[in-house]
Amino acid sequence: ALQEQARLQTGSAELDRVLGGGLVAGSAVLIGGNPGAGKSTFLLQLLCPLAATQTFLYVTGEEPPELVPMRARRLGRPVV
C-alpha cells in the first residue's frame, strides 16, 4: 500500500487544494499560463517566506534570470 507523503502548506488554500494538500518534498510542480498573467509574482509571494526553512529551485523559461531577483526585491521579499 502507498503511504501518504508529508506535505508542506504553501499559504495558498487553493494551490494546496490543487496539489492534494500542499507541496511534497522532492516533487516538481509546473505552473503555466499566458505571459504576463502573474505566475512569477504569485510564486515569489508564496515561496520567499517558505524559503526561510525550505530549499526550492525556481526555473523559468520565460524571463531573463536577472529579472526574478529584481521582482522579488520589488515585492519586498528576501532574495536567497
PDB file of N, CA and C in Angstrom:
ATOM      1  N   ALA A   1       0.847  -1.189   0.000  1.00  0.00           N
ATOM      2  CA  ALA A   1       0.000   0.000   0.000  1.00  0.00           C
ATOM      3  C   ALA A   1       0.886   1.244   0.000  1.00  0.00           C
ATOM      4  N   LEU A   2       0.451   2.248  -0.706  1.00  0.00           N
ATOM      5  CA  LEU A   2       1.186   3.507  -0.749  1.00  0.00           C
ATOM      6  C   LEU A   2       0.951   4.299   0.524  1.00  0.00           C
ATOM      7  N   GLN A   3       2.012   4.930   1.011  1.00  0.00           N
ATOM      8  CA  GLN A   3       1.880   5.780   2.193  1.00  0.00           C
ATOM      9  C   GLN A   3       1.658   7.221   1.767  1.00  0.00           C
ATOM     10  N   GLU A   4       0.867   7.916   2.539  1.00  0.00           N
ATOM     11  CA  GLU A   4       0.628   9.342   2.284  1.00  0.00           C
ATOM     12  C   GLU A   4       1.916  10.113   2.553  1.00  0.00           C
ATOM     13  N   GLN A   5       2.305  10.978   1.607  1.00  0.00           N
ATOM     14  CA  GLN A   5       3.507  11.788   1.744  1.00  0.00           C
ATOM     15  C   GLN A   5       3.223  13.017   2.605  1.00  0.00           C
ATOM     16  N   ALA A   6       4.194  13.400   3.427  1.00  0.00           N
ATOM     17  CA  ALA A   6       4.070  14.640   4.194  1.00  0.00           C
ATOM     18  C   ALA A   6       4.020  15.807   3.210  1.00  0.00           C
ATOM     19  N   ARG A   7       3.211  16.791   3.494  1.00  0.00           N
ATOM     20  CA  ARG A   7       3.031  17.925   2.580  1.00  0.00           C
ATOM     21  C   ARG A   7       3.307  19.230   3.301  1.00  0.00           C
ATOM     22  N   LEU A   8       3.908  20.151   2.567  1.00  0.00           N
ATOM     23  CA  LEU A   8       4.212  21.483   3.078  1.00  0.00           C
ATOM     24  C   LEU A   8       3.137  22.438   2.600  1.00  0.00           C
ATOM     25  N   GLN A   9       2.445  23.064   3.528  1.00  0.00           N
ATOM     26  CA  GLN A   9       1.421  24.045   3.185  1.00  0.00           C
ATOM     27  C   GLN A   9       2.086  25.262   2.551  1.00  0.00           C
ATOM     28  N   THR A  10       1.514  25.764   1.442  1.00  0.00           N
ATOM     29  CA  THR A  10       2.109  26.871   0.703  1.00  0.00           C
ATOM     30  C   THR A  10       1.662  28.234   1.198  1.00  0.00           C
ATOM     31  N   GLY A  11       0.560  28.283   1.929  1.00  0.00           N
ATOM     32  CA  GLY A  11      -0.006  29.571   2.315  1.00  0.00           C
ATOM     33  C   GLY A  11      -1.137  29.990   1.386  1.00  0.00           C
ATOM     34  N   SER A  12      -1.371  29.231   0.336  1.00  0.00           N
ATOM     35  CA  SER A  12      -2.481  29.463  -0.588  1.00  0.00           C
ATOM     36  C   SER A  12      -3.413  28.255  -0.506  1.00  0.00           C
ATOM     37  N   ALA A  13      -4.583  28.466   0.063  1.00  0.00           N
ATOM     38  CA  ALA A  13      -5.527  27.365   0.234  1.00  0.00           C
ATOM     39  C   ALA A  13      -5.876  26.720  -1.107  1.00  0.00           C
ATOM     40  N   GLU A  14      -6.050  27.528  -2.142  1.00  0.00           N
ATOM     41  CA  GLU A  14      -6.424  26.977  -3.448  1.00  0.00           C
ATOM     42  C   GLU A  14      -5.291  26.153  -4.057  1.00  0.00           C
ATOM     43  N   LEU A  15      -4.059  26.654  -3.982  1.00  0.00           N
ATOM     44  CA  LEU A  15      -2.928  25.893  -4.516  1.00  0.00           C
ATOM     45  C   LEU A  15      -2.740  24.600  -3.725  1.00  0.00           C
ATOM     46  N   ASP A  16      -2.830  24.674  -2.405  1.00  0.00           N
ATOM     47  CA  ASP A  16      -2.712  23.467  -1.587  1.00  0.00           C
ATOM     48  C   ASP A  16      -3.784  22.455  -1.972  1.00  0.00           C
ATOM     49  N   ARG A  17      -4.996  22.922  -2.242  1.00  0.00           N
ATOM     50  CA  ARG A  17      -6.080  22.032  -2.656  1.00  0.00           C
ATOM     51  C   ARG A  17      -5.742  21.343  -3.971  1.00  0.00           C
ATOM     52  N   VAL A  18      -5.259  22.135  -4.942  1.00  0.00           N
ATOM     53  CA  VAL A  18      -4.916  21.583  -6.262  1.00  0.00           C
ATOM     54  C   VAL A  18      -3.771  20.581  -6.145  1.00  0.00           C
ATOM     55  N   LEU A  19      -2.841  20.835  -5.239  1.00  0.00           N
ATOM     56  CA  LEU A  19      -1.685  19.951  -5.053  1.00  0.00           C
ATOM     57  C   LEU A  19      -1.989  18.756  -4.149  1.00  0.00           C
ATOM     58  N   GLY A  20      -3.230  18.616  -3.736  1.00  0.00           N
ATOM     59  CA  GLY A  20      -3.596  17.476  -2.899  1.00  0.00           C
ATOM     60  C   GLY A  20      -3.223  17.653  -1.450  1.00  0.00           C
ATOM     61  N   GLY A  21      -3.067  18.903  -1.013  1.00  0.00           N
ATOM     62  CA  GLY A  21      -2.757  19.170   0.388  1.00  0.00           C
ATOM     63  C   GLY A  21      -1.479  19.950   0.597  1.00  0.00           C
ATOM     64  N   GLY A  22      -0.743  20.254  -0.445  1.00  0.00           N
ATOM     65  CA  GLY A  22       0.488  21.030  -0.318  1.00  0.00           C
ATOM     66  C   GLY A  22       1.608  20.421  -1.145  1.00  0.00           C
ATOM     67  N   LEU A  23       2.782  20.992  -1.001  1.00  0.00           N
ATOM     68  CA  LEU A  23       3.961  20.542  -1.739  1.00  0.00           C
ATOM     69  C   LEU A  23       4.559  19.292  -1.103  1.00  0.00           C
ATOM     70  N   VAL A  24       5.015  18.375  -1.938  1.00  0.00           N
ATOM     71  CA  VAL A  24       5.695  17.167  -1.474  1.00  0.00           C
ATOM     72  C   VAL A  24       7.188  17.360  -1.707  1.00  0.00           C
ATOM     73  N   ALA A  25       7.996  17.082  -0.701  1.00  0.00           N
ATOM     74  CA  ALA A  25       9.451  17.228  -0.824  1.00  0.00           C
ATOM     75  C   ALA A  25       9.954  16.419  -2.010  1.00  0.00           C
ATOM     76  N   GLY A  26      10.802  17.042  -2.819  1.00  0.00           N
ATOM     77  CA  GLY A  26      11.391  16.374  -3.968  1.00  0.00           C
ATOM     78  C   GLY A  26      10.517  16.365  -5.207  1.00  0.00           C
ATOM     79  N   SER A  27       9.338  16.952  -5.116  1.00  0.00           N
ATOM     80  CA  SER A  27       8.435  16.952  -6.269  1.00  0.00           C
ATOM     81  C   SER A  27       8.712  18.155  -7.166  1.00  0.00           C
ATOM     82  N   ALA A  28       8.168  18.105  -8.351  1.00  0.00           N
ATOM     83  CA  ALA A  28       8.240  19.222  -9.295  1.00  0.00           C
ATOM     84  C   ALA A  28       6.816  19.643  -9.625  1.00  0.00           C
ATOM     85  N   VAL A  29       6.583  20.946  -9.661  1.00  0.00           N
ATOM     86  CA  VAL A  29       5.268  21.488  -9.979  1.00  0.00           C
ATOM     87  C   VAL A  29       5.431  22.451 -11.140  1.00  0.00           C
ATOM     88  N   LEU A  30       4.664  22.250 -12.179  1.00  0.00           N
ATOM     89  CA  LEU A  30       4.699  23.118 -13.345  1.00  0.00           C
ATOM     90  C   LEU A  30       3.524  24.074 -13.274  1.00  0.00           C
ATOM     91  N   ILE A  31       3.816  25.378 -13.289  1.00  0.00           N
ATOM     92  CA  ILE A  31       2.789  26.417 -13.292  1.00  0.00           C
ATOM     93  C   ILE A  31       2.805  27.030 -14.686  1.00  0.00           C
ATOM     94  N   GLY A  32       1.693  26.989 -15.377  1.00  0.00           N
ATOM     95  CA  GLY A  32       1.626  27.513 -16.735  1.00  0.00           C
ATOM     96  C   GLY A  32       0.568  28.589 -16.867  1.00  0.00           C
ATOM     97  N   GLY A  33       0.675  29.348 -17.925  1.00  0.00           N
ATOM     98  CA  GLY A  33      -0.301  30.390 -18.204  1.00  0.00           C
ATOM     99  C   GLY A  33       0.255  31.359 -19.222  1.00  0.00           C
ATOM    100  N   ASN A  34      -0.564  32.295 -19.623  1.00  0.00           N
ATOM    101  CA  ASN A  34      -0.145  33.296 -20.603  1.00  0.00           C
ATOM    102  C   ASN A  34       0.949  34.200 -20.033  1.00  0.00           C
ATOM    103  N   PRO A  35       1.836  34.713 -20.904  1.00  0.00           N
ATOM    104  CA  PRO A  35       2.837  35.681 -20.447  1.00  0.00           C
ATOM    105  C   PRO A  35       2.148  36.890 -19.813  1.00  0.00           C
ATOM    106  N   GLY A  36       2.693  37.320 -18.691  1.00  0.00           N
ATOM    107  CA  GLY A  36       2.147  38.491 -18.010  1.00  0.00           C
ATOM    108  C   GLY A  36       0.965  38.197 -17.112  1.00  0.00           C
ATOM    109  N   ALA A  37       0.614  36.918 -16.942  1.00  0.00           N
ATOM    110  CA  ALA A  37      -0.542  36.552 -16.116  1.00  0.00           C
ATOM    111  C   ALA A  37      -0.263  36.674 -14.621  1.00  0.00           C
ATOM    112  N   GLY A  38       1.018  36.759 -14.222  1.00  0.00           N
ATOM    113  CA  GLY A  38       1.356  36.904 -12.811  1.00  0.00           C
ATOM    114  C   GLY A  38       1.907  35.650 -12.165  1.00  0.00           C
ATOM    115  N   LYS A  39       2.348  34.692 -12.964  1.00  0.00           N
ATOM    116  CA  LYS A  39       2.871  33.437 -12.421  1.00  0.00           C
ATOM    117  C   LYS A  39       4.088  33.668 -11.533  1.00  0.00           C
ATOM    118  N   SER A  40       5.048  34.443 -12.019  1.00  0.00           N
ATOM    119  CA  SER A  40       6.279  34.680 -11.248  1.00  0.00           C
ATOM    120  C   SER A  40       5.986  35.440  -9.973  1.00  0.00           C
ATOM    121  N   THR A  41       5.153  36.452 -10.052  1.00  0.00           N
ATOM    122  CA  THR A  41       4.802  37.233  -8.869  1.00  0.00           C
ATOM    123  C   THR A  41       4.114  36.340  -7.842  1.00  0.00           C
ATOM    124  N   PHE A  42       3.166  35.533  -8.284  1.00  0.00           N
ATOM    125  CA  PHE A  42       2.451  34.616  -7.397  1.00  0.00           C
ATOM    126  C   PHE A  42       3.420  33.658  -6.711  1.00  0.00           C
ATOM    127  N   LEU A  43       4.309  33.043  -7.489  1.00  0.00           N
ATOM    128  CA  LEU A  43       5.240  32.074  -6.921  1.00  0.00           C
ATOM    129  C   LEU A  43       6.229  32.717  -5.960  1.00  0.00           C
ATOM    130  N   LEU A  44       6.722  33.892  -6.287  1.00  0.00           N
ATOM    131  CA  LEU A  44       7.642  34.576  -5.379  1.00  0.00           C
ATOM    132  C   LEU A  44       6.954  34.939  -4.069  1.00  0.00           C
ATOM    133  N   GLN A  45       5.705  35.372  -4.137  1.00  0.00           N
ATOM    134  CA  GLN A  45       4.973  35.705  -2.917  1.00  0.00           C
ATOM    135  C   GLN A  45       4.769  34.478  -2.040  1.00  0.00           C
ATOM    136  N   LEU A  46       4.612  33.326  -2.654  1.00  0.00           N
ATOM    137  CA  LEU A  46       4.436  32.087  -1.892  1.00  0.00           C
ATOM    138  C   LEU A  46       5.746  31.512  -1.381  1.00  0.00           C
ATOM    139  N   LEU A  47       6.741  31.426  -2.273  1.00  0.00           N
ATOM    140  CA  LEU A  47       7.948  30.677  -1.945  1.00  0.00           C
ATOM    141  C   LEU A  47       8.970  31.443  -1.108  1.00  0.00           C
ATOM    142  N   CYS A  48       9.035  32.756  -1.246  1.00  0.00           N
ATOM    143  CA  CYS A  48      10.036  33.507  -0.462  1.00  0.00           C
ATOM    144  C   CYS A  48       9.864  33.297   1.036  1.00  0.00           C
ATOM    145  N   PRO A  49       8.655  33.394   1.592  1.00  0.00           N
ATOM    146  CA  PRO A  49       8.523  33.126   3.036  1.00  0.00           C
ATOM    147  C   PRO A  49       8.874  31.682   3.408  1.00  0.00           C
ATOM    148  N   LEU A  50       8.537  30.743   2.546  1.00  0.00           N
ATOM    149  CA  LEU A  50       8.836  29.337   2.830  1.00  0.00           C
ATOM    150  C   LEU A  50      10.327  29.035   2.719  1.00  0.00           C
ATOM    151  N   ALA A  51      11.056  29.835   1.949  1.00  0.00           N
ATOM    152  CA  ALA A  51      12.488  29.596   1.728  1.00  0.00           C
ATOM    153  C   ALA A  51      13.319  29.815   2.983  1.00  0.00           C
ATOM    154  N   ALA A  52      12.733  30.398   4.018  1.00  0.00           N
ATOM    155  CA  ALA A  52      13.458  30.559   5.283  1.00  0.00           C
ATOM    156  C   ALA A  52      13.746  29.201   5.919  1.00  0.00           C
ATOM    157  N   THR A  53      12.907  28.203   5.622  1.00  0.00           N
ATOM    158  CA  THR A  53      13.083  26.887   6.242  1.00  0.00           C
ATOM    159  C   THR A  53      13.176  25.746   5.233  1.00  0.00           C
ATOM    160  N   GLN A  54      12.948  26.030   3.958  1.00  0.00           N
ATOM    161  CA  GLN A  54      12.947  25.001   2.919  1.00  0.00           C
ATOM    162  C   GLN A  54      13.838  25.461   1.763  1.00  0.00           C
ATOM    163  N   THR A  55      14.257  24.530   0.938  1.00  0.00           N
ATOM    164  CA  THR A  55      15.023  24.856  -0.257  1.00  0.00           C
ATOM    165  C   THR A  55      14.143  24.613  -1.474  1.00  0.00           C
ATOM    166  N   PHE A  56      14.119  25.599  -2.379  1.00  0.00           N
ATOM    167  CA  PHE A  56      13.335  25.499  -3.598  1.00  0.00           C
ATOM    168  C   PHE A  56      14.224  25.816  -4.790  1.00  0.00           C
ATOM    169  N   LEU A  57      13.918  25.226  -5.914  1.00  0.00           N
ATOM    170  CA  LEU A  57      14.558  25.563  -7.175  1.00  0.00           C
ATOM    171  C   LEU A  57      13.489  26.178  -8.058  1.00  0.00           C
ATOM    172  N   TYR A  58      13.680  27.426  -8.429  1.00  0.00           N
ATOM    173  CA  TYR A  58      12.736  28.141  -9.277  1.00  0.00           C
ATOM    174  C   TYR A  58      13.333  28.189 -10.675  1.00  0.00           C
ATOM    175  N   VAL A  59      12.666  27.573 -11.641  1.00  0.00           N
ATOM    176  CA  VAL A  59      13.156  27.521 -13.020  1.00  0.00           C
ATOM    177  C   VAL A  59      12.144  28.234 -13.894  1.00  0.00           C
ATOM    178  N   THR A  60      12.628  29.143 -14.730  1.00  0.00           N
ATOM    179  CA  THR A  60      11.744  29.838 -15.652  1.00  0.00           C
ATOM    180  C   THR A  60      12.359  29.834 -17.042  1.00  0.00           C
ATOM    181  N   GLY A  61      11.537  29.647 -18.032  1.00  0.00           N
ATOM    182  CA  GLY A  61      11.995  29.708 -19.412  1.00  0.00           C
ATOM    183  C   GLY A  61      11.449  30.938 -20.109  1.00  0.00           C
ATOM    184  N   GLU A  62      10.722  31.742 -19.365  1.00  0.00           N
ATOM    185  CA  GLU A  62      10.003  32.866 -19.953  1.00  0.00           C
ATOM    186  C   GLU A  62      10.685  34.210 -19.725  1.00  0.00           C
ATOM    187  N   GLU A  63      11.497  34.317 -18.685  1.00  0.00           N
ATOM    188  CA  GLU A  63      12.089  35.616 -18.381  1.00  0.00           C
ATOM    189  C   GLU A  63      13.582  35.485 -18.097  1.00  0.00           C
ATOM    190  N   PRO A  64      14.317  36.567 -18.291  1.00  0.00           N
ATOM    191  CA  PRO A  64      15.761  36.522 -18.033  1.00  0.00           C
ATOM    192  C   PRO A  64      16.051  36.243 -16.553  1.00  0.00           C
ATOM    193  N   PRO A  65      17.118  35.526 -16.264  1.00  0.00           N
ATOM    194  CA  PRO A  65      17.434  35.159 -14.874  1.00  0.00           C
ATOM    195  C   PRO A  65      17.555  36.355 -13.935  1.00  0.00           C
ATOM    196  N   GLU A  66      18.065  37.481 -14.403  1.00  0.00           N
ATOM    197  CA  GLU A  66      18.230  38.635 -13.513  1.00  0.00           C
ATOM    198  C   GLU A  66      16.898  39.288 -13.149  1.00  0.00           C
ATOM    199  N   LEU A  67      15.832  38.990 -13.886  1.00  0.00           N
ATOM    200  CA  LEU A  67      14.536  39.601 -13.612  1.00  0.00           C
ATOM    201  C   LEU A  67      13.880  39.015 -12.364  1.00  0.00           C
ATOM    202  N   VAL A  68      14.123  37.755 -12.059  1.00  0.00           N
ATOM    203  CA  VAL A  68      13.477  37.108 -10.914  1.00  0.00           C
ATOM    204  C   VAL A  68      13.899  37.764  -9.595  1.00  0.00           C
ATOM    205  N   PRO A  69      15.199  37.924  -9.305  1.00  0.00           N
ATOM    206  CA  PRO A  69      15.556  38.596  -8.047  1.00  0.00           C
ATOM    207  C   PRO A  69      15.115  40.062  -8.017  1.00  0.00           C
ATOM    208  N   MET A  70      15.108  40.723  -9.179  1.00  0.00           N
ATOM    209  CA  MET A  70      14.636  42.111  -9.219  1.00  0.00           C
ATOM    210  C   MET A  70      13.161  42.159  -8.814  1.00  0.00           C
ATOM    211  N   ARG A  71      12.365  41.242  -9.312  1.00  0.00           N
ATOM    212  CA  ARG A  71      10.940  41.195  -8.960  1.00  0.00           C
ATOM    213  C   ARG A  71      10.764  40.883  -7.478  1.00  0.00           C
ATOM    214  N   ALA A  72      11.549  39.962  -6.959  1.00  0.00           N
ATOM    215  CA  ALA A  72      11.454  39.611  -5.521  1.00  0.00           C
ATOM    216  C   ALA A  72      11.751  40.824  -4.664  1.00  0.00           C
ATOM    217  N   ARG A  73      12.801  41.576  -4.999  1.00  0.00           N
ATOM    218  CA  ARG A  73      13.119  42.770  -4.214  1.00  0.00           C
ATOM    219  C   ARG A  73      12.000  43.800  -4.308  1.00  0.00           C
ATOM    220  N   ARG A  74      11.419  43.953  -5.487  1.00  0.00           N
ATOM    221  CA  ARG A  74      10.327  44.903  -5.667  1.00  0.00           C
ATOM    222  C   ARG A  74       9.117  44.512  -4.807  1.00  0.00           C
ATOM    223  N   LEU A  75       8.927  43.213  -4.599  1.00  0.00           N
ATOM    224  CA  LEU A  75       7.844  42.729  -3.760  1.00  0.00           C
ATOM    225  C   LEU A  75       8.185  42.774  -2.260  1.00  0.00           C
ATOM    226  N   GLY A  76       9.423  43.202  -1.969  1.00  0.00           N
ATOM    227  CA  GLY A  76       9.858  43.258  -0.581  1.00  0.00           C
ATOM    228  C   GLY A  76      10.204  41.898  -0.006  1.00  0.00           C
ATOM    229  N   ARG A  77      10.529  40.970  -0.878  1.00  0.00           N
ATOM    230  CA  ARG A  77      10.867  39.613  -0.435  1.00  0.00           C
ATOM    231  C   ARG A  77      12.379  39.443  -0.434  1.00  0.00           C
ATOM    232  N   PRO A  78      12.905  38.715   0.540  1.00  0.00           N
ATOM    233  CA  PRO A  78      14.349  38.480   0.552  1.00  0.00           C
ATOM    234  C   PRO A  78      14.767  37.585  -0.598  1.00  0.00           C
ATOM    235  N   VAL A  79      15.925  37.865  -1.141  1.00  0.00           N
ATOM    236  CA  VAL A  79      16.469  37.048  -2.234  1.00  0.00           C
ATOM    237  C   VAL A  79      17.589  36.211  -1.640  1.00  0.00           C
ATOM    238  N   VAL A  80      17.471  34.900  -1.819  1.00  0.00           N
ATOM    239  CA  VAL A  80      18.472  33.973  -1.253  1.00  0.00           C
ATOM    240  C   VAL A  80      19.350  33.458  -2.369  1.00  0.00           C
TER     241      VAL A  80
END
